[in-house]
């Protein structure tokens, strides 16, 4: 795990926490974080999340790992992993990282749901990476881009549309409809929606052109 980041104590941690508890240790005492090009990354490490022998469902672990979009799985040379073993509606990409002790190198294979569009950088599963720092940067860029690509799948596009629709309706109900004041001469919802759509694309394009990195990322480790 030291390949990807730094082990940090969660209690009192002031950086990007990725949904982990930094006050009462309910999500474990430690986790791993990293910084890439000024972007903060918090990892959800399965082995560091709470384990309960009385809870076969391991709800605390599933609450984080099961709701993450991209997963990094570490394995030894002879281990076998099948992404179909994990049942999750949220997990769309698995980066399977293998360490080879014989030549102190890493290889990686990436599995995606069929709906995930192509994204880079391209990585050959047969390439053995002996430069660990270069491999770390390449892997982090790959999984961050994977998360962005997943947001373009039909499932997440539809989720985004529903969320945006709910927010617009709530804004309309609270600030435009005027039910509390009895004013019936305010703009209709369709007109308000058109105005928002006309004004927002310009802002969106600027953000997209400015940077292809995200401000923070949640990357689970299994």
Protein backbone atom coordinates (compact mmCIF):
# COMPACT_ATOMS: atom_id res chain seq x y z
CA UNK A 1 0.00 0.00 0.00
CA UNK A 2 2.96 2.33 0.51
CA UNK A 3 3.29 2.26 -3.28
CA UNK A 4 0.13 4.36 -3.64
CA UNK A 5 0.22 6.72 -0.72
CA UNK A 6 0.91 7.57 2.88
CA UNK A 7 -0.69 5.91 5.88
CA UNK A 8 -2.44 8.52 8.01
CA UNK A 9 -4.22 8.55 11.36
CA UNK A 10 -7.87 9.39 10.79
CA UNK A 11 -8.63 11.00 14.13
CA UNK A 12 -7.90 14.68 13.76
CA UNK A 13 -7.07 14.41 10.04
CA UNK A 14 -7.78 17.77 8.39
CA UNK A 15 -7.39 16.90 4.70
CA UNK A 16 -9.88 15.39 2.29
CA UNK A 17 -11.40 12.50 4.27
CA UNK A 18 -13.46 10.76 1.60
CA UNK A 19 -16.43 10.13 3.87
CA UNK A 20 -14.33 8.52 6.60
CA UNK A 21 -14.83 9.41 10.26
CA UNK A 22 -12.03 11.66 11.54
CA UNK A 23 -13.50 12.19 15.02
CA UNK A 24 -14.53 8.93 16.68
CA UNK A 25 -12.79 6.14 14.69
CA UNK A 26 -16.05 4.52 13.60
CA UNK A 27 -14.53 3.83 10.16
CA UNK A 28 -11.18 2.61 11.48
CA UNK A 29 -8.16 4.30 12.96
CA UNK A 30 -6.01 4.65 9.83
CA UNK A 31 -6.25 4.88 6.07
CA UNK A 32 -4.07 5.76 3.08
CA UNK A 33 -4.05 9.05 1.18
CA UNK A 34 -2.07 10.48 -1.70
CA UNK A 35 -1.61 13.72 -3.63
CA UNK A 36 -1.28 13.77 -7.41
CA UNK A 37 -0.73 17.07 -9.23
CA UNK A 38 -2.16 18.91 -6.25
CA UNK A 39 -5.26 16.70 -6.12
CA UNK A 40 -6.10 14.91 -2.85
CA UNK A 41 -6.96 11.21 -2.98
CA UNK A 42 -8.34 9.21 -0.05
CA UNK A 43 -8.35 5.43 -0.29
CA UNK A 44 -10.94 3.14 1.27
CA UNK A 45 -8.81 0.21 2.43
CA UNK A 46 -10.89 -2.90 3.08
CA UNK A 47 -8.45 -4.32 5.62
CA UNK A 48 -8.45 -1.07 7.62
CA UNK A 49 -12.23 -0.62 7.75
CA UNK A 50 -14.04 -2.03 10.82
CA UNK A 51 -14.55 -5.80 10.92
CA UNK A 52 -17.22 -7.43 13.08
CA UNK A 53 -17.27 -11.17 13.71
CA UNK A 54 -20.97 -10.88 14.63
CA UNK A 55 -21.94 -9.25 11.34
CA UNK A 56 -21.58 -11.58 8.33
CA UNK A 57 -22.67 -8.77 5.99
CA UNK A 58 -19.84 -6.48 7.19
CA UNK A 59 -22.07 -3.46 6.68
CA UNK A 60 -19.40 -0.89 7.58
CA UNK A 61 -17.09 -2.19 4.87
CA UNK A 62 -19.86 -2.58 2.29
CA UNK A 63 -21.09 0.94 2.99
CA UNK A 64 -17.84 2.33 1.61
CA UNK A 65 -16.38 -0.32 -0.71
CA UNK A 66 -19.76 -1.31 -2.17
CA UNK A 67 -20.59 2.29 -3.08
CA UNK A 68 -17.27 3.13 -4.70
CA UNK A 69 -17.08 3.37 -8.47
CA UNK A 70 -13.47 2.28 -9.02
CA UNK A 71 -11.64 -0.44 -7.10
CA UNK A 72 -7.94 -1.34 -6.90
CA UNK A 73 -7.30 -4.99 -6.06
CA UNK A 74 -3.82 -6.17 -5.02
CA UNK A 75 -2.89 -9.82 -5.50
CA UNK A 76 0.11 -12.14 -5.39
CA UNK A 77 1.48 -13.97 -8.43
CA UNK A 78 -0.75 -17.02 -8.25
CA UNK A 79 -3.92 -15.46 -6.85
CA UNK A 80 -7.12 -15.52 -8.90
CA UNK A 81 -9.65 -12.69 -8.96
CA UNK A 82 -12.92 -12.44 -10.83
CA UNK A 83 -14.78 -9.07 -10.76
CA UNK A 84 -18.07 -10.99 -10.91
CA UNK A 85 -17.42 -12.18 -7.37
CA UNK A 86 -18.35 -8.71 -6.09
CA UNK A 87 -22.03 -7.80 -6.32
CA UNK A 88 -22.39 -4.04 -6.56
CA UNK A 89 -24.51 -1.70 -8.62
CA UNK A 90 -21.96 1.09 -8.17
CA UNK A 91 -18.59 -0.56 -8.87
CA UNK A 92 -17.85 -0.29 -12.60
CA UNK A 93 -14.07 -0.60 -12.83
CA UNK A 94 -11.48 -2.89 -11.22
CA UNK A 95 -7.73 -2.36 -11.53
CA UNK A 96 -6.05 -5.66 -10.70
CA UNK A 97 -2.47 -5.01 -9.56
CA UNK A 98 -0.01 -7.92 -9.24
CA UNK A 99 3.38 -7.73 -7.57
CA UNK A 100 6.12 -10.00 -8.94
CA UNK A 101 8.81 -10.62 -6.34
CA UNK A 102 11.11 -12.33 -8.84
CA UNK A 103 11.98 -9.04 -10.56
CA UNK A 104 10.43 -6.52 -8.12
CA UNK A 105 7.88 -5.36 -10.68
CA UNK A 106 4.16 -4.67 -11.02
CA UNK A 107 1.63 -5.52 -13.70
CA UNK A 108 -1.95 -4.30 -13.93
CA UNK A 109 -5.12 -5.44 -15.68
CA UNK A 110 -8.21 -3.24 -15.85
CA UNK A 111 -11.77 -4.59 -16.04
CA UNK A 112 -14.68 -2.31 -16.95
CA UNK A 113 -18.42 -2.65 -17.23
CA UNK A 114 -19.54 -2.81 -20.86
CA UNK A 115 -21.16 0.63 -20.65
CA UNK A 116 -17.94 2.44 -19.62
CA UNK A 117 -16.49 4.44 -22.57
CA UNK A 118 -12.76 4.15 -23.45
CA UNK A 119 -10.29 6.22 -21.44
CA UNK A 120 -6.54 6.49 -21.08
CA UNK A 121 -3.76 6.01 -20.52
CA UNK A 122 -3.52 2.69 -22.33
CA UNK A 123 -1.79 0.02 -20.23
CA UNK A 124 -0.62 -3.35 -21.51
CA UNK A 125 -1.30 -6.20 -19.10
CA UNK A 126 1.98 -7.83 -20.09
CA UNK A 127 4.20 -4.83 -19.27
CA UNK A 128 6.28 -5.34 -16.12
CA UNK A 129 6.83 -2.00 -14.37
CA UNK A 130 10.05 -1.84 -12.38
CA UNK A 131 9.96 1.95 -11.95
CA UNK A 132 7.55 2.05 -9.01
CA UNK A 133 7.09 5.81 -8.91
CA UNK A 134 6.24 5.92 -12.62
CA UNK A 135 3.83 3.00 -12.15
CA UNK A 136 2.17 4.76 -9.20
CA UNK A 137 1.50 7.92 -11.20
CA UNK A 138 0.25 5.97 -14.21
CA UNK A 139 -2.09 3.85 -12.06
CA UNK A 140 -3.55 6.85 -10.23
CA UNK A 141 -4.17 8.71 -13.49
CA UNK A 142 -5.83 5.57 -14.89
CA UNK A 143 -8.25 5.13 -11.99
CA UNK A 144 -9.11 8.84 -11.80
CA UNK A 145 -9.89 8.84 -15.52
CA UNK A 146 -11.89 5.65 -15.00
CA UNK A 147 -14.11 7.39 -12.47
CA UNK A 148 -14.71 10.25 -14.89
CA UNK A 149 -15.55 7.78 -17.67
CA UNK A 150 -18.06 5.96 -15.46
CA UNK A 151 -19.93 9.24 -14.96
CA UNK A 152 -20.67 9.14 -18.69
CA UNK A 153 -22.44 5.78 -18.56
CA UNK A 154 -26.25 5.75 -18.99
CA UNK A 155 -26.79 4.82 -15.34
CA UNK A 156 -24.93 7.83 -13.99
CA UNK A 157 -26.16 10.22 -16.67
CA UNK A 158 -29.72 9.36 -15.66
CA UNK A 159 -28.88 9.80 -11.98
CA UNK A 160 -27.41 13.22 -12.75
CA UNK A 161 -30.52 14.25 -14.69
CA UNK A 162 -32.82 13.20 -11.85
CA UNK A 163 -30.73 15.03 -9.28
CA UNK A 164 -30.58 18.19 -11.39
CA UNK A 165 -34.33 18.04 -11.99
CA UNK A 166 -35.01 17.73 -8.26
CA UNK A 167 -32.71 20.65 -7.46
CA UNK A 168 -34.32 22.89 -10.08
CA UNK A 169 -37.80 22.01 -8.84
CA UNK A 170 -36.78 22.71 -5.25
CA UNK A 171 -35.34 26.10 -6.26
CA UNK A 172 -38.52 26.87 -8.19
CA UNK A 173 -40.75 25.84 -5.29
CA UNK A 174 -38.76 27.81 -2.74
CA UNK A 175 -37.79 30.97 -4.59
CA UNK A 176 -39.89 31.35 -7.75
CA UNK A 177 -43.33 29.85 -7.31
CA UNK A 178 -44.22 32.23 -4.51
CA UNK A 179 -46.80 29.98 -2.84
CA UNK A 180 -46.18 31.65 0.48
CA UNK A 181 -46.87 35.12 -0.90
CA UNK A 182 -49.73 34.22 -3.18
CA UNK A 183 -47.99 35.77 -6.20
CA UNK A 184 -49.24 33.93 -9.31
CA UNK A 185 -47.45 36.14 -11.87
CA UNK A 186 -43.99 34.58 -11.49
CA UNK A 187 -42.09 32.67 -14.18
CA UNK A 188 -43.24 29.12 -15.00
CA UNK A 189 -40.88 26.19 -14.29
CA UNK A 190 -40.23 25.52 -18.01
CA UNK A 191 -39.03 29.10 -18.53
CA UNK A 192 -36.79 28.93 -15.48
CA UNK A 193 -35.28 25.64 -16.68
CA UNK A 194 -34.54 27.13 -20.11
CA UNK A 195 -32.78 30.08 -18.51
CA UNK A 196 -30.61 27.80 -16.38
CA UNK A 197 -29.67 25.64 -19.37
CA UNK A 198 -28.75 28.70 -21.42
CA UNK A 199 -26.47 30.04 -18.72
CA UNK A 200 -24.71 26.91 -17.42
CA UNK A 201 -22.99 25.35 -20.50
CA UNK A 202 -20.57 28.27 -20.79
CA UNK A 203 -19.40 27.69 -17.23
CA UNK A 204 -19.16 23.95 -17.77
CA UNK A 205 -16.95 24.30 -20.84
CA UNK A 206 -14.53 26.54 -18.99
CA UNK A 207 -14.14 24.03 -16.18
CA UNK A 208 -13.58 21.19 -18.61
CA UNK A 209 -10.92 23.07 -20.55
CA UNK A 210 -9.17 24.23 -17.42
CA UNK A 211 -8.29 20.81 -16.06
CA UNK A 212 -8.90 17.13 -16.71
CA UNK A 213 -8.14 16.18 -13.12
CA UNK A 214 -10.66 16.02 -10.31
CA UNK A 215 -10.21 17.89 -7.04
CA UNK A 216 -10.47 14.70 -5.02
CA UNK A 217 -11.10 11.03 -5.52
CA UNK A 218 -12.29 8.06 -3.53
CA UNK A 219 -10.35 4.91 -4.46
CA UNK A 220 -11.14 1.69 -2.54
CA UNK A 221 -8.44 -0.91 -1.98
CA UNK A 222 -9.32 -4.60 -1.65
